[in-house]
Amino acid sequence: MVRSHSEHYDLLLRTTLDPDLPLGRNKHRDPNLDFRALADRHVHQVLLDLELPHEQLHSDGHQAALDRTVAFANARLAGAGVGS
């Protein structure tokens, strides 16, 4: 399923788990830290196994990820002649 869906992705960001950061309280989340670590490890392994190009998104890199995404989209749009 991941392989099929990933064919449509142009930019893939993978969050990097920081187990020292507490879970946000704005949503109901499972507080199981072992589950969080396993999920992180398995997502990473799927990306490697499927050889999906992706970029790391670190917990303190939100603005950098936004900047990178906007630059990526602008470059794609410029290359497609959109807006000319």
PDB file of N, CA and C in Angstrom:
ATOM      1  N   MET A   1       0.834  -1.188   0.000  1.00  0.00           N
ATOM      2  CA  MET A   1       0.000   0.000   0.000  1.00  0.00           C
ATOM      3  C   MET A   1       0.883   1.259   0.000  1.00  0.00           C
ATOM      4  N   VAL A   2       1.939   1.256   0.791  1.00  0.00           N
ATOM      5  CA  VAL A   2       2.831   2.417   0.850  1.00  0.00           C
ATOM      6  C   VAL A   2       3.462   2.654  -0.516  1.00  0.00           C
ATOM      7  N   ARG A   3       3.930   1.590  -1.144  1.00  0.00           N
ATOM      8  CA  ARG A   3       4.562   1.732  -2.454  1.00  0.00           C
ATOM      9  C   ARG A   3       3.577   2.345  -3.457  1.00  0.00           C
ATOM     10  N   SER A   4       2.360   1.866  -3.459  1.00  0.00           N
ATOM     11  CA  SER A   4       1.351   2.365  -4.392  1.00  0.00           C
ATOM     12  C   SER A   4       1.060   3.850  -4.174  1.00  0.00           C
ATOM     13  N   HIS A   5       0.869   4.241  -2.941  1.00  0.00           N
ATOM     14  CA  HIS A   5       0.577   5.645  -2.642  1.00  0.00           C
ATOM     15  C   HIS A   5       1.777   6.548  -2.882  1.00  0.00           C
ATOM     16  N   SER A   6       2.962   6.031  -2.604  1.00  0.00           N
ATOM     17  CA  SER A   6       4.157   6.865  -2.707  1.00  0.00           C
ATOM     18  C   SER A   6       4.478   7.276  -4.134  1.00  0.00           C
ATOM     19  N   GLU A   7       3.933   6.595  -5.108  1.00  0.00           N
ATOM     20  CA  GLU A   7       4.156   6.968  -6.505  1.00  0.00           C
ATOM     21  C   GLU A   7       3.630   8.363  -6.809  1.00  0.00           C
ATOM     22  N   HIS A   8       2.736   8.847  -5.977  1.00  0.00           N
ATOM     23  CA  HIS A   8       2.104  10.152  -6.195  1.00  0.00           C
ATOM     24  C   HIS A   8       2.767  11.269  -5.390  1.00  0.00           C
ATOM     25  N   TYR A   9       3.782  10.950  -4.599  1.00  0.00           N
ATOM     26  CA  TYR A   9       4.438  11.940  -3.757  1.00  0.00           C
ATOM     27  C   TYR A   9       5.575  12.624  -4.508  1.00  0.00           C
ATOM     28  N   ASP A  10       5.677  13.912  -4.338  1.00  0.00           N
ATOM     29  CA  ASP A  10       6.783  14.669  -4.909  1.00  0.00           C
ATOM     30  C   ASP A  10       7.831  14.998  -3.858  1.00  0.00           C
ATOM     31  N   LEU A  11       7.401  15.141  -2.625  1.00  0.00           N
ATOM     32  CA  LEU A  11       8.301  15.456  -1.523  1.00  0.00           C
ATOM     33  C   LEU A  11       7.812  14.694  -0.300  1.00  0.00           C
ATOM     34  N   LEU A  12       8.695  13.934   0.295  1.00  0.00           N
ATOM     35  CA  LEU A  12       8.329  13.122   1.446  1.00  0.00           C
ATOM     36  C   LEU A  12       9.212  13.517   2.623  1.00  0.00           C
ATOM     37  N   LEU A  13       8.576  13.964   3.704  1.00  0.00           N
ATOM     38  CA  LEU A  13       9.283  14.322   4.932  1.00  0.00           C
ATOM     39  C   LEU A  13       8.985  13.263   5.978  1.00  0.00           C
ATOM     40  N   ARG A  14      10.007  12.840   6.662  1.00  0.00           N
ATOM     41  CA  ARG A  14       9.839  11.857   7.731  1.00  0.00           C
ATOM     42  C   ARG A  14      10.195  12.504   9.055  1.00  0.00           C
ATOM     43  N   THR A  15       9.250  12.515   9.958  1.00  0.00           N
ATOM     44  CA  THR A  15       9.537  13.066  11.272  1.00  0.00           C
ATOM     45  C   THR A  15      10.511  12.165  12.014  1.00  0.00           C
ATOM     46  N   THR A  16      11.345  12.771  12.792  1.00  0.00           N
ATOM     47  CA  THR A  16      12.301  12.049  13.611  1.00  0.00           C
ATOM     48  C   THR A  16      11.805  12.084  15.043  1.00  0.00           C
ATOM     49  N   LEU A  17      11.620  10.931  15.609  1.00  0.00           N
ATOM     50  CA  LEU A  17      11.107  10.839  16.967  1.00  0.00           C
ATOM     51  C   LEU A  17      12.121  11.377  17.970  1.00  0.00           C
ATOM     52  N   ASP A  18      11.666  12.265  18.815  1.00  0.00           N
ATOM     53  CA  ASP A  18      12.466  12.722  19.943  1.00  0.00           C
ATOM     54  C   ASP A  18      11.729  12.250  21.194  1.00  0.00           C
ATOM     55  N   PRO A  19      12.159  11.130  21.776  1.00  0.00           N
ATOM     56  CA  PRO A  19      11.425  10.565  22.912  1.00  0.00           C
ATOM     57  C   PRO A  19      11.420  11.464  24.146  1.00  0.00           C
ATOM     58  N   ASP A  20      12.265  12.487  24.154  1.00  0.00           N
ATOM     59  CA  ASP A  20      12.293  13.399  25.294  1.00  0.00           C
ATOM     60  C   ASP A  20      11.190  14.449  25.233  1.00  0.00           C
ATOM     61  N   LEU A  21      10.577  14.607  24.060  1.00  0.00           N
ATOM     62  CA  LEU A  21       9.488  15.573  23.943  1.00  0.00           C
ATOM     63  C   LEU A  21       8.187  14.933  24.424  1.00  0.00           C
ATOM     64  N   PRO A  22       7.456  15.647  25.266  1.00  0.00           N
ATOM     65  CA  PRO A  22       6.176  15.089  25.726  1.00  0.00           C
ATOM     66  C   PRO A  22       5.146  15.123  24.599  1.00  0.00           C
ATOM     67  N   LEU A  23       4.179  14.240  24.698  1.00  0.00           N
ATOM     68  CA  LEU A  23       3.079  14.243  23.735  1.00  0.00           C
ATOM     69  C   LEU A  23       2.239  15.494  23.953  1.00  0.00           C
ATOM     70  N   GLY A  24       1.761  16.066  22.866  1.00  0.00           N
ATOM     71  CA  GLY A  24       0.862  17.204  22.985  1.00  0.00           C
ATOM     72  C   GLY A  24      -0.431  16.794  23.654  1.00  0.00           C
ATOM     73  N   ARG A  25      -1.040  17.715  24.301  1.00  0.00           N
ATOM     74  CA  ARG A  25      -2.292  17.411  25.010  1.00  0.00           C
ATOM     75  C   ARG A  25      -3.527  17.870  24.235  1.00  0.00           C
ATOM     76  N   ASN A  26      -3.323  18.350  22.999  1.00  0.00           N
ATOM     77  CA  ASN A  26      -4.446  18.865  22.228  1.00  0.00           C
ATOM     78  C   ASN A  26      -5.223  17.749  21.502  1.00  0.00           C
ATOM     79  N   LYS A  27      -4.733  16.505  21.571  1.00  0.00           N
ATOM     80  CA  LYS A  27      -5.409  15.371  20.942  1.00  0.00           C
ATOM     81  C   LYS A  27      -5.280  14.167  21.863  1.00  0.00           C
ATOM     82  N   HIS A  28      -6.196  13.228  21.684  1.00  0.00           N
ATOM     83  CA  HIS A  28      -6.071  11.979  22.426  1.00  0.00           C
ATOM     84  C   HIS A  28      -5.010  11.128  21.742  1.00  0.00           C
ATOM     85  N   ARG A  29      -3.958  10.803  22.464  1.00  0.00           N
ATOM     86  CA  ARG A  29      -2.874   9.991  21.917  1.00  0.00           C
ATOM     87  C   ARG A  29      -2.526   8.889  22.908  1.00  0.00           C
ATOM     88  N   ASP A  30      -2.083   7.787  22.365  1.00  0.00           N
ATOM     89  CA  ASP A  30      -1.609   6.698  23.202  1.00  0.00           C
ATOM     90  C   ASP A  30      -0.290   7.116  23.850  1.00  0.00           C
ATOM     91  N   PRO A  31      -0.192   7.084  25.156  1.00  0.00           N
ATOM     92  CA  PRO A  31       1.027   7.538  25.829  1.00  0.00           C
ATOM     93  C   PRO A  31       2.137   6.478  25.869  1.00  0.00           C
ATOM     94  N   ASN A  32       1.960   5.361  25.192  1.00  0.00           N
ATOM     95  CA  ASN A  32       2.917   4.265  25.235  1.00  0.00           C
ATOM     96  C   ASN A  32       4.191   4.637  24.475  1.00  0.00           C
ATOM     97  N   LEU A  33       5.264   4.900  25.206  1.00  0.00           N
ATOM     98  CA  LEU A  33       6.525   5.325  24.595  1.00  0.00           C
ATOM     99  C   LEU A  33       7.175   4.216  23.775  1.00  0.00           C
ATOM    100  N   ASP A  34       7.002   2.960  24.200  1.00  0.00           N
ATOM    101  CA  ASP A  34       7.544   1.841  23.422  1.00  0.00           C
ATOM    102  C   ASP A  34       6.867   1.767  22.057  1.00  0.00           C
ATOM    103  N   PHE A  35       5.558   1.976  22.031  1.00  0.00           N
ATOM    104  CA  PHE A  35       4.826   1.969  20.761  1.00  0.00           C
ATOM    105  C   PHE A  35       5.322   3.085  19.849  1.00  0.00           C
ATOM    106  N   ARG A  36       5.528   4.268  20.405  1.00  0.00           N
ATOM    107  CA  ARG A  36       6.043   5.393  19.606  1.00  0.00           C
ATOM    108  C   ARG A  36       7.387   5.040  18.981  1.00  0.00           C
ATOM    109  N   ALA A  37       8.272   4.433  19.770  1.00  0.00           N
ATOM    110  CA  ALA A  37       9.593   4.075  19.267  1.00  0.00           C
ATOM    111  C   ALA A  37       9.503   2.994  18.193  1.00  0.00           C
ATOM    112  N   LEU A  38       8.645   2.003  18.394  1.00  0.00           N
ATOM    113  CA  LEU A  38       8.468   0.947  17.392  1.00  0.00           C
ATOM    114  C   LEU A  38       7.890   1.508  16.093  1.00  0.00           C
ATOM    115  N   ALA A  39       6.904   2.370  16.207  1.00  0.00           N
ATOM    116  CA  ALA A  39       6.304   2.980  15.019  1.00  0.00           C
ATOM    117  C   ALA A  39       7.354   3.780  14.258  1.00  0.00           C
ATOM    118  N   ASP A  40       8.149   4.550  14.958  1.00  0.00           N
ATOM    119  CA  ASP A  40       9.207   5.332  14.328  1.00  0.00           C
ATOM    120  C   ASP A  40      10.184   4.423  13.588  1.00  0.00           C
ATOM    121  N   ARG A  41      10.600   3.364  14.244  1.00  0.00           N
ATOM    122  CA  ARG A  41      11.565   2.442  13.642  1.00  0.00           C
ATOM    123  C   ARG A  41      10.984   1.751  12.404  1.00  0.00           C
ATOM    124  N   HIS A  42       9.715   1.344  12.472  1.00  0.00           N
ATOM    125  CA  HIS A  42       9.104   0.641  11.343  1.00  0.00           C
ATOM    126  C   HIS A  42       8.840   1.573  10.158  1.00  0.00           C
ATOM    127  N   VAL A  43       8.424   2.789  10.415  1.00  0.00           N
ATOM    128  CA  VAL A  43       8.239   3.749   9.325  1.00  0.00           C
ATOM    129  C   VAL A  43       9.572   3.988   8.629  1.00  0.00           C
ATOM    130  N   HIS A  44      10.617   4.175   9.402  1.00  0.00           N
ATOM    131  CA  HIS A  44      11.948   4.378   8.828  1.00  0.00           C
ATOM    132  C   HIS A  44      12.357   3.177   7.980  1.00  0.00           C
ATOM    133  N   GLN A  45      12.113   1.973   8.484  1.00  0.00           N
ATOM    134  CA  GLN A  45      12.514   0.773   7.754  1.00  0.00           C
ATOM    135  C   GLN A  45      11.732   0.618   6.454  1.00  0.00           C
ATOM    136  N   VAL A  46      10.460   0.946   6.455  1.00  0.00           N
ATOM    137  CA  VAL A  46       9.654   0.874   5.224  1.00  0.00           C
ATOM    138  C   VAL A  46      10.216   1.833   4.176  1.00  0.00           C
ATOM    139  N   LEU A  47      10.566   3.031   4.591  1.00  0.00           N
ATOM    140  CA  LEU A  47      11.142   3.999   3.651  1.00  0.00           C
ATOM    141  C   LEU A  47      12.448   3.476   3.067  1.00  0.00           C
ATOM    142  N   LEU A  48      13.266   2.839   3.893  1.00  0.00           N
ATOM    143  CA  LEU A  48      14.519   2.269   3.400  1.00  0.00           C
ATOM    144  C   LEU A  48      14.263   1.073   2.485  1.00  0.00           C
ATOM    145  N   ASP A  49      13.386   0.169   2.909  1.00  0.00           N
ATOM    146  CA  ASP A  49      13.101  -1.033   2.124  1.00  0.00           C
ATOM    147  C   ASP A  49      12.544  -0.688   0.743  1.00  0.00           C
ATOM    148  N   LEU A  50      11.697   0.319   0.686  1.00  0.00           N
ATOM    149  CA  LEU A  50      11.086   0.711  -0.590  1.00  0.00           C
ATOM    150  C   LEU A  50      11.939   1.718  -1.347  1.00  0.00           C
ATOM    151  N   GLU A  51      13.073   2.086  -0.754  1.00  0.00           N
ATOM    152  CA  GLU A  51      13.995   3.047  -1.353  1.00  0.00           C
ATOM    153  C   GLU A  51      13.274   4.344  -1.745  1.00  0.00           C
ATOM    154  N   LEU A  52      12.455   4.819  -0.812  1.00  0.00           N
ATOM    155  CA  LEU A  52      11.714   6.058  -1.046  1.00  0.00           C
ATOM    156  C   LEU A  52      12.569   7.246  -0.633  1.00  0.00           C
ATOM    157  N   PRO A  53      12.862   8.138  -1.559  1.00  0.00           N
ATOM    158  CA  PRO A  53      13.625   9.326  -1.180  1.00  0.00           C
ATOM    159  C   PRO A  53      12.804  10.170  -0.209  1.00  0.00           C
ATOM    160  N   HIS A  54      13.440  10.585   0.852  1.00  0.00           N
ATOM    161  CA  HIS A  54      12.743  11.379   1.867  1.00  0.00           C
ATOM    162  C   HIS A  54      13.755  12.247   2.593  1.00  0.00           C
ATOM    163  N   GLU A  55      13.232  13.239   3.256  1.00  0.00           N
ATOM    164  CA  GLU A  55      14.060  14.142   4.049  1.00  0.00           C
ATOM    165  C   GLU A  55      13.626  14.042   5.506  1.00  0.00           C
ATOM    166  N   GLN A  56      14.604  14.156   6.391  1.00  0.00           N
ATOM    167  CA  GLN A  56      14.329  14.104   7.824  1.00  0.00           C
ATOM    168  C   GLN A  56      13.727  15.420   8.299  1.00  0.00           C
ATOM    169  N   LEU A  57      12.738  15.326   9.129  1.00  0.00           N
ATOM    170  CA  LEU A  57      12.133  16.488   9.762  1.00  0.00           C
ATOM    171  C   LEU A  57      12.367  16.347  11.257  1.00  0.00           C
ATOM    172  N   HIS A  58      13.284  17.127  11.783  1.00  0.00           N
ATOM    173  CA  HIS A  58      13.620  17.057  13.197  1.00  0.00           C
ATOM    174  C   HIS A  58      12.627  17.890  14.018  1.00  0.00           C
ATOM    175  N   SER A  59      12.535  17.577  15.278  1.00  0.00           N
ATOM    176  CA  SER A  59      11.544  18.226  16.142  1.00  0.00           C
ATOM    177  C   SER A  59      11.710  19.735  16.198  1.00  0.00           C
ATOM    178  N   ASP A  60      12.924  20.224  16.014  1.00  0.00           N
ATOM    179  CA  ASP A  60      13.143  21.672  16.060  1.00  0.00           C
ATOM    180  C   ASP A  60      13.231  22.281  14.661  1.00  0.00           C
ATOM    181  N   GLY A  61      12.850  21.518  13.641  1.00  0.00           N
ATOM    182  CA  GLY A  61      13.010  21.977  12.271  1.00  0.00           C
ATOM    183  C   GLY A  61      11.731  22.323  11.541  1.00  0.00           C
ATOM    184  N   HIS A  62      10.689  22.687  12.273  1.00  0.00           N
ATOM    185  CA  HIS A  62       9.408  22.958  11.637  1.00  0.00           C
ATOM    186  C   HIS A  62       9.507  24.068  10.599  1.00  0.00           C
ATOM    187  N   GLN A  63      10.103  25.178  10.958  1.00  0.00           N
ATOM    188  CA  GLN A  63      10.193  26.301  10.021  1.00  0.00           C
ATOM    189  C   GLN A  63      11.062  25.943   8.821  1.00  0.00           C
ATOM    190  N   ALA A  64      12.156  25.241   9.060  1.00  0.00           N
ATOM    191  CA  ALA A  64      13.020  24.827   7.950  1.00  0.00           C
ATOM    192  C   ALA A  64      12.265  23.902   6.999  1.00  0.00           C
ATOM    193  N   ALA A  65      11.439  23.017   7.539  1.00  0.00           N
ATOM    194  CA  ALA A  65      10.650  22.120   6.692  1.00  0.00           C
ATOM    195  C   ALA A  65       9.626  22.902   5.874  1.00  0.00           C
ATOM    196  N   LEU A  66       8.999  23.885   6.497  1.00  0.00           N
ATOM    197  CA  LEU A  66       8.053  24.726   5.758  1.00  0.00           C
ATOM    198  C   LEU A  66       8.762  25.483   4.644  1.00  0.00           C
ATOM    199  N   ASP A  67       9.909  26.060   4.963  1.00  0.00           N
ATOM    200  CA  ASP A  67      10.679  26.799   3.955  1.00  0.00           C
ATOM    201  C   ASP A  67      11.084  25.877   2.808  1.00  0.00           C
ATOM    202  N   ARG A  68      11.549  24.677   3.138  1.00  0.00           N
ATOM    203  CA  ARG A  68      11.966  23.716   2.126  1.00  0.00           C
ATOM    204  C   ARG A  68      10.789  23.296   1.244  1.00  0.00           C
ATOM    205  N   THR A  69       9.641  23.083   1.852  1.00  0.00           N
ATOM    206  CA  THR A  69       8.451  22.663   1.111  1.00  0.00           C
ATOM    207  C   THR A  69       7.974  23.760   0.175  1.00  0.00           C
ATOM    208  N   VAL A  70       7.952  24.985   0.642  1.00  0.00           N
ATOM    209  CA  VAL A  70       7.539  26.110  -0.202  1.00  0.00           C
ATOM    210  C   VAL A  70       8.514  26.288  -1.362  1.00  0.00           C
ATOM    211  N   ALA A  71       9.808  26.208  -1.078  1.00  0.00           N
ATOM    212  CA  ALA A  71      10.812  26.331  -2.142  1.00  0.00           C
ATOM    213  C   ALA A  71      10.652  25.211  -3.167  1.00  0.00           C
ATOM    214  N   PHE A  72      10.410  23.997  -2.690  1.00  0.00           N
ATOM    215  CA  PHE A  72      10.218  22.849  -3.578  1.00  0.00           C
ATOM    216  C   PHE A  72       9.004  23.072  -4.477  1.00  0.00           C
ATOM    217  N   ALA A  73       7.889  23.481  -3.884  1.00  0.00           N
ATOM    218  CA  ALA A  73       6.666  23.713  -4.657  1.00  0.00           C
ATOM    219  C   ALA A  73       6.862  24.844  -5.663  1.00  0.00           C
ATOM    220  N   ASN A  74       7.502  25.922  -5.237  1.00  0.00           N
ATOM    221  CA  ASN A  74       7.749  27.040  -6.153  1.00  0.00           C
ATOM    222  C   ASN A  74       8.623  26.622  -7.324  1.00  0.00           C
ATOM    223  N   ALA A  75       9.652  25.826  -7.061  1.00  0.00           N
ATOM    224  CA  ALA A  75      10.523  25.353  -8.129  1.00  0.00           C
ATOM    225  C   ALA A  75       9.762  24.458  -9.096  1.00  0.00           C
ATOM    226  N   ARG A  76       8.926  23.589  -8.577  1.00  0.00           N
ATOM    227  CA  ARG A  76       8.121  22.713  -9.429  1.00  0.00           C
ATOM    228  C   ARG A  76       7.157  23.527 -10.287  1.00  0.00           C
ATOM    229  N   LEU A  77       6.524  24.515  -9.681  1.00  0.00           N
ATOM    230  CA  LEU A  77       5.571  25.354 -10.418  1.00  0.00           C
ATOM    231  C   LEU A  77       6.296  26.181 -11.490  1.00  0.00           C
ATOM    232  N   ALA A  78       7.448  26.694 -11.143  1.00  0.00           N
ATOM    233  CA  ALA A  78       8.227  27.474 -12.119  1.00  0.00           C
ATOM    234  C   ALA A  78       8.674  26.591 -13.279  1.00  0.00           C
ATOM    235  N   GLY A  79       9.065  25.368 -12.976  1.00  0.00           N
ATOM    236  CA  GLY A  79       9.500  24.433 -14.012  1.00  0.00           C
ATOM    237  C   GLY A  79       8.363  23.986 -14.911  1.00  0.00           C
ATOM    238  N   ALA A  80       7.148  24.032 -14.393  1.00  0.00           N
ATOM    239  CA  ALA A  80       5.983  23.616 -15.169  1.00  0.00           C
ATOM    240  C   ALA A  80       5.400  24.780 -15.960  1.00  0.00           C
ATOM    241  N   GLY A  81       5.984  25.962 -15.792  1.00  0.00           N
ATOM    242  CA  GLY A  81       5.476  27.125 -16.505  1.00  0.00           C
ATOM    243  C   GLY A  81       4.184  27.673 -15.946  1.00  0.00           C
ATOM    244  N   VAL A  82       3.837  27.296 -14.713  1.00  0.00           N
ATOM    245  CA  VAL A  82       2.627  27.764 -14.082  1.00  0.00           C
ATOM    246  C   VAL A  82       2.816  29.210 -13.671  1.00  0.00           C
ATOM    247  N   GLY A  83       1.869  30.034 -13.956  1.00  0.00           N
ATOM    248  CA  GLY A  83       1.914  31.424 -13.563  1.00  0.00           C
ATOM    249  C   GLY A  83       2.646  32.313 -14.538  1.00  0.00           C
ATOM    250  N   SER A  84       3.116  31.767 -15.664  1.00  0.00           N
ATOM    251  CA  SER A  84       3.835  32.608 -16.628  1.00  0.00           C
ATOM    252  C   SER A  84       2.875  33.202 -17.611  1.00  0.00           C
TER     253      SER A  84
END
